[in-house]
C-alpha atoms as a PDB file:
ATOM      1  CA  MET A   1      16.026  -2.280  11.923  1.00  0.00           C
ATOM      2  CA  LYS A   2      15.278  -4.000   8.649  1.00  0.00           C
ATOM      3  CA  GLU A   3      14.501  -7.642   8.091  1.00  0.00           C
ATOM      4  CA  LYS A   4      14.856  -9.320   4.703  1.00  0.00           C
ATOM      5  CA  VAL A   5      11.650 -10.727   3.179  1.00  0.00           C
ATOM      6  CA  THR A   6      11.152 -12.792   0.066  1.00  0.00           C
ATOM      7  CA  PRO A   7       9.344 -11.437  -2.987  1.00  0.00           C
ATOM      8  CA  LEU A   8       6.957 -14.387  -2.592  1.00  0.00           C
ATOM      9  CA  LYS A   9       5.921 -13.210   0.900  1.00  0.00           C
ATOM     10  CA  VAL A  10       5.315  -9.677  -0.402  1.00  0.00           C
ATOM     11  CA  ALA A  11       3.360 -11.039  -3.391  1.00  0.00           C
ATOM     12  CA  LYS A  12       1.082 -13.112  -1.143  1.00  0.00           C
ATOM     13  CA  TYR A  13       0.558 -10.171   1.185  1.00  0.00           C
ATOM     14  CA  TYR A  14      -0.279  -7.858  -1.737  1.00  0.00           C
ATOM     15  CA  LEU A  15      -2.777 -10.275  -3.297  1.00  0.00           C
ATOM     16  CA  THR A  16      -4.454 -10.962   0.051  1.00  0.00           C
ATOM     17  CA  VAL A  17      -4.952  -7.256   0.752  1.00  0.00           C
ATOM     18  CA  GLU A  18      -5.971  -6.233  -2.786  1.00  0.00           C
ATOM     19  CA  LEU A  19      -8.346  -9.109  -3.421  1.00  0.00           C
ATOM     20  CA  GLY A  20      -9.709  -8.951   0.132  1.00  0.00           C
ATOM     21  CA  LYS A  21     -11.047  -5.405  -0.233  1.00  0.00           C
ATOM     22  CA  PRO A  22     -14.632  -6.421  -1.148  1.00  0.00           C
ATOM     23  CA  PHE A  23     -14.924  -8.765   1.858  1.00  0.00           C
ATOM     24  CA  GLN A  24     -16.052  -7.460   5.245  1.00  0.00           C
ATOM     25  CA  LYS A  25     -16.148 -10.736   7.158  1.00  0.00           C
ATOM     26  CA  LYS A  26     -12.952 -11.968   8.779  1.00  0.00           C
ATOM     27  CA  GLU A  27     -13.805 -15.559   7.765  1.00  0.00           C
ATOM     28  CA  SER A  28     -14.003 -14.572   4.088  1.00  0.00           C
ATOM     29  CA  LYS A  29     -10.612 -12.861   4.246  1.00  0.00           C
ATOM     30  CA  LEU A  30      -9.133 -15.934   5.953  1.00  0.00           C
ATOM     31  CA  LYS A  31     -10.520 -18.201   3.200  1.00  0.00           C
ATOM     32  CA  LEU A  32      -8.989 -15.883   0.582  1.00  0.00           C
ATOM     33  CA  LYS A  33      -5.602 -15.991   2.340  1.00  0.00           C
ATOM     34  CA  THR A  34      -5.779 -19.800   2.500  1.00  0.00           C
ATOM     35  CA  PHE A  35      -6.609 -19.910  -1.221  1.00  0.00           C
ATOM     36  CA  ILE A  36      -3.688 -17.615  -2.116  1.00  0.00           C
ATOM     37  CA  ASP A  37      -1.338 -19.690   0.033  1.00  0.00           C
ATOM     38  CA  SER A  38      -2.498 -22.822  -1.808  1.00  0.00           C
ATOM     39  CA  LEU A  39      -1.736 -21.513  -5.306  1.00  0.00           C
ATOM     40  CA  GLU A  40       1.112 -23.043  -7.253  1.00  0.00           C
ATOM     41  CA  ILE A  41       3.971 -20.563  -7.697  1.00  0.00           C
ATOM     42  CA  GLY A  42       3.314 -20.048 -11.415  1.00  0.00           C
ATOM     43  CA  GLU A  43      -0.392 -19.383 -10.799  1.00  0.00           C
ATOM     44  CA  LEU A  44       0.425 -16.925  -8.020  1.00  0.00           C
ATOM     45  CA  TRP A  45       2.784 -14.900 -10.229  1.00  0.00           C
ATOM     46  CA  LYS A  46       0.216 -14.857 -13.063  1.00  0.00           C
ATOM     47  CA  LEU A  47      -2.439 -13.594 -10.669  1.00  0.00           C
ATOM     48  CA  LEU A  48      -0.037 -10.976  -9.289  1.00  0.00           C
ATOM     49  CA  LYS A  49       0.766  -9.783 -12.796  1.00  0.00           C
ATOM     50  CA  LEU A  50      -2.929  -9.503 -13.636  1.00  0.00           C
ATOM     51  CA  VAL A  51      -3.825  -7.593 -10.447  1.00  0.00           C
ATOM     52  CA  SER A  52      -0.760  -5.327 -10.467  1.00  0.00           C
ATOM     53  CA  GLU A  53      -0.494  -4.534 -14.172  1.00  0.00           C
ATOM     54  CA  GLU A  54      -4.046  -4.774 -15.488  1.00  0.00           C
ATOM     55  CA  TYR A  55      -6.212  -3.830 -12.528  1.00  0.00           C
ATOM     56  CA  ARG A  56      -4.167  -1.622 -10.172  1.00  0.00           C
ATOM     57  CA  LYS A  57      -1.477  -0.471 -12.659  1.00  0.00           C
ATOM     58  CA  ASN A  58       1.001   0.152  -9.849  1.00  0.00           C
ATOM     59  CA  GLY A  59       4.158  -1.709 -10.867  1.00  0.00           C
ATOM     60  CA  VAL A  60       4.274  -4.110  -7.913  1.00  0.00           C
ATOM     61  CA  PHE A  61       4.736  -7.085 -10.253  1.00  0.00           C
ATOM     62  CA  GLN A  62       7.689  -5.435 -12.036  1.00  0.00           C
ATOM     63  CA  LEU A  63       9.322  -4.493  -8.746  1.00  0.00           C
ATOM     64  CA  LEU A  64       8.961  -7.974  -7.255  1.00  0.00           C
ATOM     65  CA  THR A  65      10.166  -9.836 -10.336  1.00  0.00           C
ATOM     66  CA  ASN A  66      13.211  -7.637 -10.968  1.00  0.00           C
ATOM     67  CA  PRO A  67      16.211  -9.743  -9.830  1.00  0.00           C
ATOM     68  CA  GLN A  68      18.170  -6.571  -9.021  1.00  0.00           C
ATOM     69  CA  HIS A  69      15.636  -5.480  -6.399  1.00  0.00           C
ATOM     70  CA  LYS A  70      15.945  -6.516  -2.789  1.00  0.00           C
ATOM     71  CA  SER A  71      12.985  -6.599  -0.451  1.00  0.00           C
ATOM     72  CA  TYR A  72      12.929  -6.075   3.276  1.00  0.00           C
ATOM     73  CA  GLU A  73      10.525  -5.181   6.060  1.00  0.00           C
ATOM     74  CA  LYS A  74      11.013  -2.057   8.139  1.00  0.00           C
ATOM     75  CA  VAL A  75       9.132   0.328  10.416  1.00  0.00           C
ATOM     76  CA  ILE A  76       9.066   3.788   8.811  1.00  0.00           C
ATOM     77  CA  ASN A  77       8.306   7.172  10.305  1.00  0.00           C
ATOM     78  CA  ILE A  78       5.496   8.982   8.473  1.00  0.00           C
ATOM     79  CA  LYS A  79       7.801  12.022   8.065  1.00  0.00           C
ATOM     80  CA  ASN A  80      10.014   9.969   5.702  1.00  0.00           C
ATOM     81  CA  ILE A  81       7.187   8.928   3.370  1.00  0.00           C
ATOM     82  CA  LYS A  82       6.161  10.493   0.063  1.00  0.00           C
ATOM     83  CA  LEU A  83       2.742   9.735  -1.370  1.00  0.00           C
ATOM     84  CA  GLY A  84       2.247   8.498  -4.917  1.00  0.00           C
ATOM     85  CA  ASP A  85      -0.428   9.578  -7.364  1.00  0.00           C
ATOM     86  CA  VAL A  86      -3.924   8.188  -7.067  1.00  0.00           C
ATOM     87  CA  ASN A  87      -6.075   9.693  -9.810  1.00  0.00           C
ATOM     88  CA  GLU A  88      -6.369  13.009 -11.641  1.00  0.00           C
ATOM     89  CA  ASN A  89      -9.088  14.342  -9.315  1.00  0.00           C
ATOM     90  CA  VAL A  90      -6.882  13.854  -6.255  1.00  0.00           C
ATOM     91  CA  LYS A  91      -3.529  14.694  -7.874  1.00  0.00           C
ATOM     92  CA  LYS A  92      -4.049  18.470  -7.531  1.00  0.00           C
ATOM     93  CA  TYR A  93      -4.438  18.051  -3.756  1.00  0.00           C
ATOM     94  CA  LEU A  94      -1.350  15.837  -3.558  1.00  0.00           C
ATOM     95  CA  ILE A  95       0.643  18.501  -5.413  1.00  0.00           C
ATOM     96  CA  LEU A  96      -0.615  21.179  -3.004  1.00  0.00           C
ATOM     97  CA  ALA A  97       0.475  18.955  -0.111  1.00  0.00           C
ATOM     98  CA  GLU A  98       3.852  18.314  -1.802  1.00  0.00           C
ATOM     99  CA  TYR A  99       3.096  14.559  -1.601  1.00  0.00           C
ATOM    100  CA  ASP A 100       3.668  14.793   2.170  1.00  0.00           C
ATOM    101  CA  PRO A 101       1.251  12.609   4.203  1.00  0.00           C
ATOM    102  CA  LEU A 102       1.067  15.068   7.114  1.00  0.00           C
ATOM    103  CA  LYS A 103       0.318  18.041   4.853  1.00  0.00           C
ATOM    104  CA  PHE A 104      -2.191  15.926   2.923  1.00  0.00           C
ATOM    105  CA  LYS A 105      -3.873  15.014   6.223  1.00  0.00           C
ATOM    106  CA  ASP A 106      -4.307  18.725   6.980  1.00  0.00           C
ATOM    107  CA  LEU A 107      -5.756  19.233   3.488  1.00  0.00           C
ATOM    108  CA  LEU A 108      -8.180  16.343   4.030  1.00  0.00           C
ATOM    109  CA  ILE A 109      -9.379  17.839   7.301  1.00  0.00           C
ATOM    110  CA  ALA A 110      -9.794  21.305   5.776  1.00  0.00           C
ATOM    111  CA  ASN A 111     -11.649  19.897   2.742  1.00  0.00           C
ATOM    112  CA  LYS A 112     -13.616  17.041   4.323  1.00  0.00           C
ATOM    113  CA  ASP A 113     -16.730  17.844   2.298  1.00  0.00           C
ATOM    114  CA  VAL A 114     -14.985  17.802  -1.102  1.00  0.00           C
ATOM    115  CA  GLY A 115     -16.363  14.848  -3.074  1.00  0.00           C
ATOM    116  CA  GLU A 116     -13.136  13.515  -4.567  1.00  0.00           C
ATOM    117  CA  LEU A 117     -11.469  13.449  -1.142  1.00  0.00           C
ATOM    118  CA  LYS A 118     -14.204  11.442   0.590  1.00  0.00           C
ATOM    119  CA  GLU A 119     -12.461   8.228  -0.490  1.00  0.00           C
ATOM    120  CA  PHE A 120      -9.799   9.037   2.133  1.00  0.00           C
ATOM    121  CA  GLN A 121     -12.115   8.830   5.136  1.00  0.00           C
ATOM    122  CA  PRO A 122     -10.573   6.862   8.031  1.00  0.00           C
ATOM    123  CA  GLN A 123     -11.361   3.177   8.042  1.00  0.00           C
ATOM    124  CA  GLU A 124     -10.776   0.321  10.436  1.00  0.00           C
ATOM    125  CA  LEU A 125      -7.824  -1.808   9.313  1.00  0.00           C
ATOM    126  CA  THR A 126      -6.595  -5.252  10.242  1.00  0.00           C
ATOM    127  CA  GLU A 127      -2.956  -5.703  11.218  1.00  0.00           C
ATOM    128  CA  GLU A 128      -2.182  -7.113   7.758  1.00  0.00           C
ATOM    129  CA  GLU A 129      -3.900  -4.164   6.043  1.00  0.00           C
ATOM    130  CA  SER A 130      -1.616  -1.850   8.055  1.00  0.00           C
ATOM    131  CA  ILE A 131       1.480  -2.945   6.109  1.00  0.00           C
ATOM    132  CA  PHE A 132       2.458  -1.028   2.979  1.00  0.00           C
ATOM    133  CA  ILE A 133       4.705  -1.394  -0.074  1.00  0.00           C
ATOM    134  CA  PHE A 134       7.359   1.268  -0.663  1.00  0.00           C
ATOM    135  CA  THR A 135      10.341   1.984  -2.859  1.00  0.00           C
ATOM    136  CA  HIS A 136      13.345   3.672  -1.257  1.00  0.00           C
ATOM    137  CA  ASP A 137      15.508   6.410  -2.720  1.00  0.00           C
ATOM    138  CA  GLU A 138      17.816   8.856  -0.951  1.00  0.00           C
ATOM    139  CA  GLY A 139      16.208   8.575   2.479  1.00  0.00           C
ATOM    140  CA  THR A 140      12.629   8.854   1.220  1.00  0.00           C
ATOM    141  CA  TYR A 141      10.125   6.019   1.065  1.00  0.00           C
ATOM    142  CA  LYS A 142       7.591   6.393  -1.743  1.00  0.00           C
ATOM    143  CA  ILE A 143       4.382   4.471  -1.293  1.00  0.00           C
ATOM    144  CA  VAL A 144       3.637   2.114  -4.177  1.00  0.00           C
ATOM    145  CA  ASP A 145       0.496   0.545  -2.772  1.00  0.00           C
ATOM    146  CA  GLY A 146      -1.816   1.502   0.081  1.00  0.00           C
ATOM    147  CA  ILE A 147      -2.198   5.288  -0.003  1.00  0.00           C
ATOM    148  CA  HIS A 148      -5.838   5.165   1.211  1.00  0.00           C
ATOM    149  CA  ARG A 149      -4.961   2.799   4.051  1.00  0.00           C
ATOM    150  CA  LEU A 150      -1.889   4.861   4.956  1.00  0.00           C
ATOM    151  CA  MET A 151      -3.884   8.087   5.063  1.00  0.00           C
ATOM    152  CA  SER A 152      -6.469   6.383   7.250  1.00  0.00           C
ATOM    153  CA  LEU A 153      -3.753   5.650   9.813  1.00  0.00           C
ATOM    154  CA  VAL A 154      -2.205   9.122   9.507  1.00  0.00           C
ATOM    155  CA  GLN A 155      -5.617  10.674  10.225  1.00  0.00           C
ATOM    156  CA  GLN A 156      -5.840   8.460  13.310  1.00  0.00           C
ATOM    157  CA  GLY A 157      -2.537   9.877  14.601  1.00  0.00           C
ATOM    158  CA  ILE A 158      -0.208   6.969  13.801  1.00  0.00           C
ATOM    159  CA  HIS A 159       3.428   8.160  13.453  1.00  0.00           C
ATOM    160  CA  GLU A 160       5.084   4.947  12.203  1.00  0.00           C
ATOM    161  CA  VAL A 161       4.007   2.146   9.880  1.00  0.00           C
ATOM    162  CA  LYS A 162       5.395  -1.197   8.861  1.00  0.00           C
ATOM    163  CA  GLY A 163       6.352  -1.515   5.235  1.00  0.00           C
ATOM    164  CA  TYR A 164       7.801  -3.866   2.675  1.00  0.00           C
ATOM    165  CA  ILE A 165      10.590  -1.938   0.976  1.00  0.00           C
ATOM    166  CA  LEU A 166      11.473  -2.840  -2.606  1.00  0.00           C
ATOM    167  CA  SER A 167      14.830  -1.345  -3.497  1.00  0.00           C
END
């Protein structure tokens, strides 16, 4: 079942998760969320553009500001997800795994001592950090943001995740 969400909700979620990465304390993350919620709309979209286009370079800003795109929330089975590229050092492993999270998990386990794959070690995630941003095309959900977090959950045996779908 899918539930419609506003681009503003997705933008706030994205900024909270991305900018919250350096903070370990729950109180710090809560203060950040409160700050993001307090931003004027124009300031929020400027910050989103900066984080998405200049820092992360992942296209979230373009997807959320495109009036032709619709956004909704849905629970997705891992089998229906395709991974996106991360960096050149990891890309060769993603190609070997055919961008499939389950095959990539097996590759991570088999190559756990390989330096460039250590960034995918399982991590503890909050409920909010366990939501992902996807695009949808022909039955496949391609992850736009959150590949490290997603792979952390896949390695922990999770079979479904909640996602914001931008289509």
